[in-house]
């Protein structure tokens, strides 16, 4: 009985066998490369059409004999959201192996432009693609441009540097995220007037700067009874975030809302809890932050945190790898597939 080839099971090897040609010839036909006789091209295409062939990506990569290395330049230190991205990349090991891809993590101080730039410069010539959580600074911009000029595909991840020549940005619309946070704080505060605090990692991170911009837009236009205080910078560190917020809470007794733009969430929550214990009977400060982690889940369930603006770390990890691979292959990026969306998560709709 003749073997029946199905679209799901078909590989380059199957097409080569049916057309009576080599794997290399099938690969040349699929990618419109020269050097194949017209009759052979016709035979290969006929075999493809007869079997509704969809190229098996892993088989195609193996046939090309092409292995690729990608580097992910991520913040050093305990950042739960970034740790989630790294964990999701680890879960992709089988997918990566099938495509002869390797992903290596490079931890660095993304808040220090000279350190981050040096980390990027050290990657030149060793990697096909680099994804970087980037600081928007001239030194970092120059390092990104140098990588691009050297032939490396560069994707900014979570935080963008649009003035650089990076090839693509994978992340949310941070202005919209900040506006959403502003609307939540304003509406949850209600009719009260008072001050609103903002804790960020660094305003040099474009994602943080854009979130703050969007937040302030909504505060100024929709909630005139609320006054936004100058931004505190905690560098996404728990101890530093706790210290700067504790000092601010001691100075301003009329703080009614808080927006935590990045990480350092444990420290922010501790400063709020300590202040609540010392000011028994005082109204709770409305607290809106970012990302659904084990910590923010607990804070939401306890009522310490009121809402989290969530982005999908698994989607961001997968999108960054897929975009780098498409760029390395010279293939189009599926922009709608790789678009990262935001969700509002509260205690009652925790995933």
Protein backbone atom coordinates (compact mmCIF):
# COMPACT_ATOMS: atom_id res chain seq x y z
CA UNK A 1 0.00 0.00 0.00
CA UNK A 2 1.39 3.40 -1.00
CA UNK A 3 2.43 5.72 1.82
CA UNK A 4 0.12 8.70 2.20
CA UNK A 5 1.78 12.00 3.05
CA UNK A 6 -0.20 14.47 5.11
CA UNK A 7 0.39 18.18 5.59
CA UNK A 8 0.98 17.72 9.29
CA UNK A 9 3.53 14.94 8.87
CA UNK A 10 5.26 16.15 5.69
CA UNK A 11 8.89 17.28 5.87
CA UNK A 12 11.55 18.37 3.38
CA UNK A 13 12.76 14.76 3.31
CA UNK A 14 9.31 13.55 2.22
CA UNK A 15 9.13 16.11 -0.58
CA UNK A 16 12.65 15.26 -1.73
CA UNK A 17 11.78 11.54 -1.87
CA UNK A 18 8.54 12.12 -3.78
CA UNK A 19 10.16 14.50 -6.28
CA UNK A 20 13.27 12.34 -6.65
CA UNK A 21 15.69 15.10 -5.71
CA UNK A 22 18.05 15.97 -2.87
CA UNK A 23 17.19 17.86 0.31
CA UNK A 24 19.40 20.72 -0.82
CA UNK A 25 17.45 21.00 -4.08
CA UNK A 26 14.12 21.17 -2.24
CA UNK A 27 15.54 23.87 0.02
CA UNK A 28 16.71 25.89 -3.00
CA UNK A 29 13.28 25.65 -4.63
CA UNK A 30 11.44 26.63 -1.43
CA UNK A 31 13.60 29.73 -1.05
CA UNK A 32 13.69 30.68 -4.77
CA UNK A 33 17.44 30.25 -5.03
CA UNK A 34 19.11 29.90 -8.45
CA UNK A 35 20.83 26.82 -9.81
CA UNK A 36 17.84 24.47 -10.22
CA UNK A 37 16.62 23.34 -13.66
CA UNK A 38 13.05 24.46 -14.56
CA UNK A 39 11.88 20.84 -14.89
CA UNK A 40 13.21 20.04 -11.40
CA UNK A 41 11.52 23.15 -9.97
CA UNK A 42 8.24 22.02 -11.57
CA UNK A 43 8.59 18.52 -10.11
CA UNK A 44 9.28 19.82 -6.59
CA UNK A 45 6.40 22.30 -6.72
CA UNK A 46 4.06 19.59 -7.98
CA UNK A 47 4.98 17.38 -5.02
CA UNK A 48 4.36 20.30 -2.68
CA UNK A 49 0.96 21.10 -4.20
CA UNK A 50 -0.18 17.47 -4.26
CA UNK A 51 0.35 17.19 -0.54
CA UNK A 52 -0.64 20.69 0.63
CA UNK A 53 2.87 21.00 2.03
CA UNK A 54 3.63 23.60 4.67
CA UNK A 55 7.38 23.79 5.29
CA UNK A 56 8.36 22.14 8.53
CA UNK A 57 10.39 24.89 10.16
CA UNK A 58 12.61 22.68 12.27
CA UNK A 59 13.40 20.40 9.34
CA UNK A 60 14.21 23.38 7.15
CA UNK A 61 16.58 24.78 9.76
CA UNK A 62 18.31 21.44 10.15
CA UNK A 63 18.61 21.09 6.38
CA UNK A 64 20.31 24.47 6.21
CA UNK A 65 22.71 23.40 8.96
CA UNK A 66 22.36 26.84 10.55
CA UNK A 67 22.65 27.32 14.30
CA UNK A 68 22.01 30.73 15.85
CA UNK A 69 22.83 32.37 19.19
CA UNK A 70 20.69 35.01 20.83
CA UNK A 71 21.56 36.99 23.97
CA UNK A 72 19.01 38.49 26.37
CA UNK A 73 20.46 41.44 28.30
CA UNK A 74 18.40 41.70 31.47
CA UNK A 75 18.50 43.63 34.77
CA UNK A 76 20.63 42.07 37.49
CA UNK A 77 19.12 41.66 40.93
CA UNK A 78 15.78 40.27 42.13
CA UNK A 79 13.13 41.61 39.76
CA UNK A 80 10.16 39.18 39.82
CA UNK A 81 8.80 40.20 36.42
CA UNK A 82 12.16 39.84 34.70
CA UNK A 83 12.61 36.49 36.43
CA UNK A 84 9.30 35.41 34.90
CA UNK A 85 10.57 36.29 31.42
CA UNK A 86 13.73 34.27 32.04
CA UNK A 87 11.67 31.32 33.29
CA UNK A 88 9.48 31.37 30.17
CA UNK A 89 12.58 31.41 27.98
CA UNK A 90 13.72 28.30 29.84
CA UNK A 91 10.41 26.61 29.07
CA UNK A 92 11.07 27.17 25.35
CA UNK A 93 14.13 24.88 25.35
CA UNK A 94 12.51 22.21 23.16
CA UNK A 95 11.22 24.78 20.66
CA UNK A 96 14.64 26.43 20.55
CA UNK A 97 16.52 23.15 20.10
CA UNK A 98 14.30 22.12 17.19
CA UNK A 99 15.34 25.33 15.42
CA UNK A 100 19.01 25.08 16.42
CA UNK A 101 18.73 28.19 18.56
CA UNK A 102 20.44 28.94 21.85
CA UNK A 103 19.47 31.76 24.19
CA UNK A 104 21.94 33.05 26.76
CA UNK A 105 21.11 35.41 29.62
CA UNK A 106 23.36 38.40 30.31
CA UNK A 107 22.64 40.07 33.67
CA UNK A 108 23.80 43.66 34.04
CA UNK A 109 22.99 46.98 35.72
CA UNK A 110 20.53 48.44 33.23
CA UNK A 111 20.24 51.61 35.33
CA UNK A 112 23.89 52.54 34.71
CA UNK A 113 24.36 53.62 31.07
CA UNK A 114 28.10 52.99 30.98
CA UNK A 115 27.75 49.49 32.45
CA UNK A 116 24.86 48.61 30.12
CA UNK A 117 26.71 49.97 27.07
CA UNK A 118 29.82 47.96 27.98
CA UNK A 119 27.71 44.81 28.30
CA UNK A 120 26.27 45.38 24.83
CA UNK A 121 29.66 46.13 23.30
CA UNK A 122 31.01 42.86 24.69
CA UNK A 123 28.43 40.92 22.64
CA UNK A 124 29.52 42.25 19.25
CA UNK A 125 30.37 39.51 16.76
CA UNK A 126 29.36 36.64 19.03
CA UNK A 127 25.56 36.63 18.63
CA UNK A 128 23.09 36.65 15.76
CA UNK A 129 20.56 38.60 17.80
CA UNK A 130 20.32 40.57 21.03
CA UNK A 131 17.23 41.44 23.07
CA UNK A 132 17.89 44.17 25.63
CA UNK A 133 15.95 45.85 28.43
CA UNK A 134 17.37 49.22 27.55
CA UNK A 135 18.03 52.57 29.18
CA UNK A 136 17.27 55.52 26.90
CA UNK A 137 20.67 57.20 27.06
CA UNK A 138 23.13 58.41 24.36
CA UNK A 139 25.79 55.90 25.43
CA UNK A 140 23.35 52.99 25.26
CA UNK A 141 21.93 54.25 21.97
CA UNK A 142 25.44 54.30 20.48
CA UNK A 143 26.12 50.75 21.71
CA UNK A 144 22.89 49.51 20.11
CA UNK A 145 23.75 51.23 16.83
CA UNK A 146 27.23 49.69 16.87
CA UNK A 147 25.71 46.21 17.25
CA UNK A 148 23.34 46.86 14.35
CA UNK A 149 26.20 48.15 12.18
CA UNK A 150 28.13 44.96 12.97
CA UNK A 151 25.25 42.87 11.58
CA UNK A 152 23.53 41.87 14.83
CA UNK A 153 19.74 41.90 14.99
CA UNK A 154 18.68 44.01 17.98
CA UNK A 155 15.30 44.02 19.71
CA UNK A 156 14.48 46.24 22.67
CA UNK A 157 12.44 44.41 25.29
CA UNK A 158 9.97 45.99 27.75
CA UNK A 159 11.77 49.37 27.58
CA UNK A 160 12.46 50.95 24.19
CA UNK A 161 15.13 53.22 22.69
CA UNK A 162 13.26 54.45 19.59
CA UNK A 163 15.97 56.93 18.63
CA UNK A 164 18.40 54.05 18.11
CA UNK A 165 18.54 51.87 15.01
CA UNK A 166 17.18 48.84 16.84
CA UNK A 167 15.13 46.64 14.53
CA UNK A 168 12.02 46.12 16.66
CA UNK A 169 10.47 46.79 20.07
CA UNK A 170 8.71 44.05 22.03
CA UNK A 171 6.59 45.42 24.85
CA UNK A 172 3.41 47.21 25.80
CA UNK A 173 2.27 50.74 24.97
CA UNK A 174 3.60 52.27 28.17
CA UNK A 175 1.83 55.62 27.80
CA UNK A 176 -1.49 53.77 27.65
CA UNK A 177 -0.45 51.70 30.67
CA UNK A 178 0.32 54.87 32.63
CA UNK A 179 -2.97 56.46 31.61
CA UNK A 180 -4.78 53.32 32.76
CA UNK A 181 -3.00 53.49 36.12
CA UNK A 182 -3.96 57.16 36.45
CA UNK A 183 -7.60 56.43 35.75
CA UNK A 184 -7.60 53.63 38.32
CA UNK A 185 -5.97 55.72 41.06
CA UNK A 186 -8.25 58.68 40.42
CA UNK A 187 -11.46 56.67 40.39
CA UNK A 188 -10.55 54.51 43.37
CA UNK A 189 -9.64 57.57 45.46
CA UNK A 190 -13.12 58.89 44.72
CA UNK A 191 -14.23 62.30 45.96
CA UNK A 192 -11.29 62.85 48.30
CA UNK A 193 -8.66 65.46 47.55
CA UNK A 194 -5.01 65.07 48.45
CA UNK A 195 -1.63 64.10 47.09
CA UNK A 196 -0.52 61.19 44.93
CA UNK A 197 2.96 59.63 45.12
CA UNK A 198 4.87 58.00 42.26
CA UNK A 199 7.72 55.51 42.78
CA UNK A 200 9.74 54.57 39.67
CA UNK A 201 12.87 52.58 39.03
CA UNK A 202 14.45 55.30 36.92
CA UNK A 203 13.05 57.97 34.64
CA UNK A 204 15.94 57.09 32.32
CA UNK A 205 14.11 53.85 31.49
CA UNK A 206 11.76 54.82 28.71
CA UNK A 207 9.02 52.45 29.84
CA UNK A 208 8.99 54.13 33.25
CA UNK A 209 9.17 57.64 31.76
CA UNK A 210 6.29 56.92 29.38
CA UNK A 211 4.13 55.41 32.13
CA UNK A 212 4.71 58.50 34.28
CA UNK A 213 3.85 60.75 31.33
CA UNK A 214 0.57 58.91 30.70
CA UNK A 215 -0.28 58.88 34.41
CA UNK A 216 0.29 62.63 34.74
CA UNK A 217 -1.81 63.31 31.64
CA UNK A 218 -4.85 61.69 33.22
CA UNK A 219 -4.25 63.18 36.66
CA UNK A 220 -4.02 66.72 35.26
CA UNK A 221 -6.98 66.46 32.92
CA UNK A 222 -9.45 64.35 34.88
CA UNK A 223 -8.68 64.65 38.60
CA UNK A 224 -7.99 68.29 39.51
CA UNK A 225 -8.50 67.56 43.22
CA UNK A 226 -5.41 65.36 43.25
CA UNK A 227 -1.88 66.78 43.30
CA UNK A 228 0.94 64.58 41.99
CA UNK A 229 4.18 64.79 43.97
CA UNK A 230 7.66 64.69 42.34
CA UNK A 231 8.71 61.22 41.22
CA UNK A 232 10.77 59.09 43.61
CA UNK A 233 13.40 56.75 42.14
CA UNK A 234 14.03 53.41 43.84
CA UNK A 235 16.02 51.71 41.04
CA UNK A 236 13.57 48.78 41.30
CA UNK A 237 15.18 47.83 44.64
CA UNK A 238 13.03 46.92 47.64
CA UNK A 239 15.15 48.58 50.32
CA UNK A 240 15.68 51.79 48.38
CA UNK A 241 12.01 52.03 47.37
CA UNK A 242 10.96 51.52 50.98
CA UNK A 243 13.30 54.24 52.23
CA UNK A 244 12.32 56.94 49.74
CA UNK A 245 8.60 56.25 50.13
CA UNK A 246 8.74 56.10 53.94
CA UNK A 247 10.35 59.55 54.01
CA UNK A 248 7.68 60.93 51.68
CA UNK A 249 4.81 59.44 53.71
CA UNK A 250 6.25 60.97 56.88
CA UNK A 251 6.44 64.36 55.20
CA UNK A 252 2.97 64.38 53.61
CA UNK A 253 0.06 63.25 55.78
CA UNK A 254 -2.44 63.82 52.97
CA UNK A 255 -1.20 61.21 50.47
CA UNK A 256 -4.27 59.35 49.21
CA UNK A 257 -2.88 57.49 46.19
CA UNK A 258 0.29 55.74 45.06
CA UNK A 259 1.51 54.57 41.66
CA UNK A 260 4.42 52.12 41.65
CA UNK A 261 5.77 52.30 38.11
CA UNK A 262 8.20 49.36 38.18
CA UNK A 263 9.55 46.84 40.66
CA UNK A 264 10.63 47.37 44.29
CA UNK A 265 7.08 46.38 45.18
CA UNK A 266 7.94 44.62 48.43
CA UNK A 267 9.61 47.77 49.75
CA UNK A 268 6.73 49.98 48.63
CA UNK A 269 4.21 47.71 50.37
CA UNK A 270 6.28 47.65 53.57
CA UNK A 271 6.44 51.45 53.70
CA UNK A 272 2.68 51.63 53.24
CA UNK A 273 2.01 48.99 55.90
CA UNK A 274 4.34 50.62 58.42
CA UNK A 275 2.64 53.96 57.88
CA UNK A 276 -0.81 52.39 58.23
CA UNK A 277 0.17 50.83 61.57
CA UNK A 278 1.45 54.15 62.90
CA UNK A 279 -1.61 56.06 61.68
CA UNK A 280 -4.45 53.85 62.92
CA UNK A 281 -7.78 55.01 61.60
CA UNK A 282 -6.30 56.82 58.62
CA UNK A 283 -7.88 56.03 55.25
CA UNK A 284 -6.04 53.44 53.20
CA UNK A 285 -3.77 54.74 50.45
CA UNK A 286 -4.94 53.56 47.01
CA UNK A 287 -2.06 51.51 45.57
CA UNK A 288 -1.77 50.66 41.86
CA UNK A 289 1.27 48.93 40.39
CA UNK A 290 2.43 46.65 37.60
CA UNK A 291 2.63 42.95 36.77
CA UNK A 292 1.14 39.83 38.30
CA UNK A 293 3.81 38.02 40.32
CA UNK A 294 3.62 35.86 43.44
CA UNK A 295 4.18 39.02 45.47
CA UNK A 296 1.58 41.21 43.78
CA UNK A 297 -0.94 38.35 43.93
CA UNK A 298 -0.49 38.21 47.69
CA UNK A 299 -0.74 41.99 48.05
CA UNK A 300 -3.92 42.06 45.96
CA UNK A 301 -5.48 39.28 48.03
CA UNK A 302 -4.54 41.07 51.26
CA UNK A 303 -6.06 44.32 50.04
CA UNK A 304 -2.73 46.17 50.31
CA UNK A 305 -2.62 46.63 46.54
CA UNK A 306 -5.76 47.65 44.66
CA UNK A 307 -4.88 46.87 41.04
CA UNK A 308 -2.01 45.71 38.83
CA UNK A 309 -1.48 46.65 35.20
CA UNK A 310 -0.48 43.31 33.73
CA UNK A 311 1.59 42.47 30.68
CA UNK A 312 2.14 38.88 29.65
CA UNK A 313 5.78 37.87 30.34
CA UNK A 314 5.37 34.57 28.50
CA UNK A 315 4.12 36.36 25.40
CA UNK A 316 6.99 38.85 25.63
CA UNK A 317 9.58 36.07 25.92
CA UNK A 318 8.15 34.16 22.96
CA UNK A 319 7.67 37.30 20.88
CA UNK A 320 11.25 38.47 21.42
CA UNK A 321 12.65 35.12 20.26
CA UNK A 322 10.27 34.87 17.29
CA UNK A 323 11.07 38.42 16.18
CA UNK A 324 14.83 37.85 16.45
CA UNK A 325 14.49 34.63 14.46
CA UNK A 326 12.39 36.30 11.76
CA UNK A 327 14.92 39.13 11.49
CA UNK A 328 17.83 36.68 11.29
CA UNK A 329 16.08 34.74 8.52
CA UNK A 330 15.01 37.85 6.66
CA UNK A 331 11.35 36.91 7.09
CA UNK A 332 8.43 39.25 7.83
CA UNK A 333 7.45 39.91 11.46
CA UNK A 334 3.87 38.97 12.31
CA UNK A 335 3.14 42.27 14.04
CA UNK A 336 -0.37 41.46 15.20
CA UNK A 337 0.81 38.18 16.73
CA UNK A 338 3.70 39.89 18.51
CA UNK A 339 1.70 42.84 19.85
CA UNK A 340 1.77 42.85 23.66
CA UNK A 341 -1.46 43.91 25.34
CA UNK A 342 -2.24 45.07 28.86
CA UNK A 343 -4.84 43.83 31.34
CA UNK A 344 -6.23 45.30 34.54
CA UNK A 345 -5.98 42.73 37.33
CA UNK A 346 -7.70 43.14 40.70
CA UNK A 347 -8.33 40.78 43.59
CA UNK A 348 -11.59 39.58 42.05
CA UNK A 349 -10.18 38.58 38.65
CA UNK A 350 -6.77 37.20 39.57
CA UNK A 351 -5.67 34.66 36.93
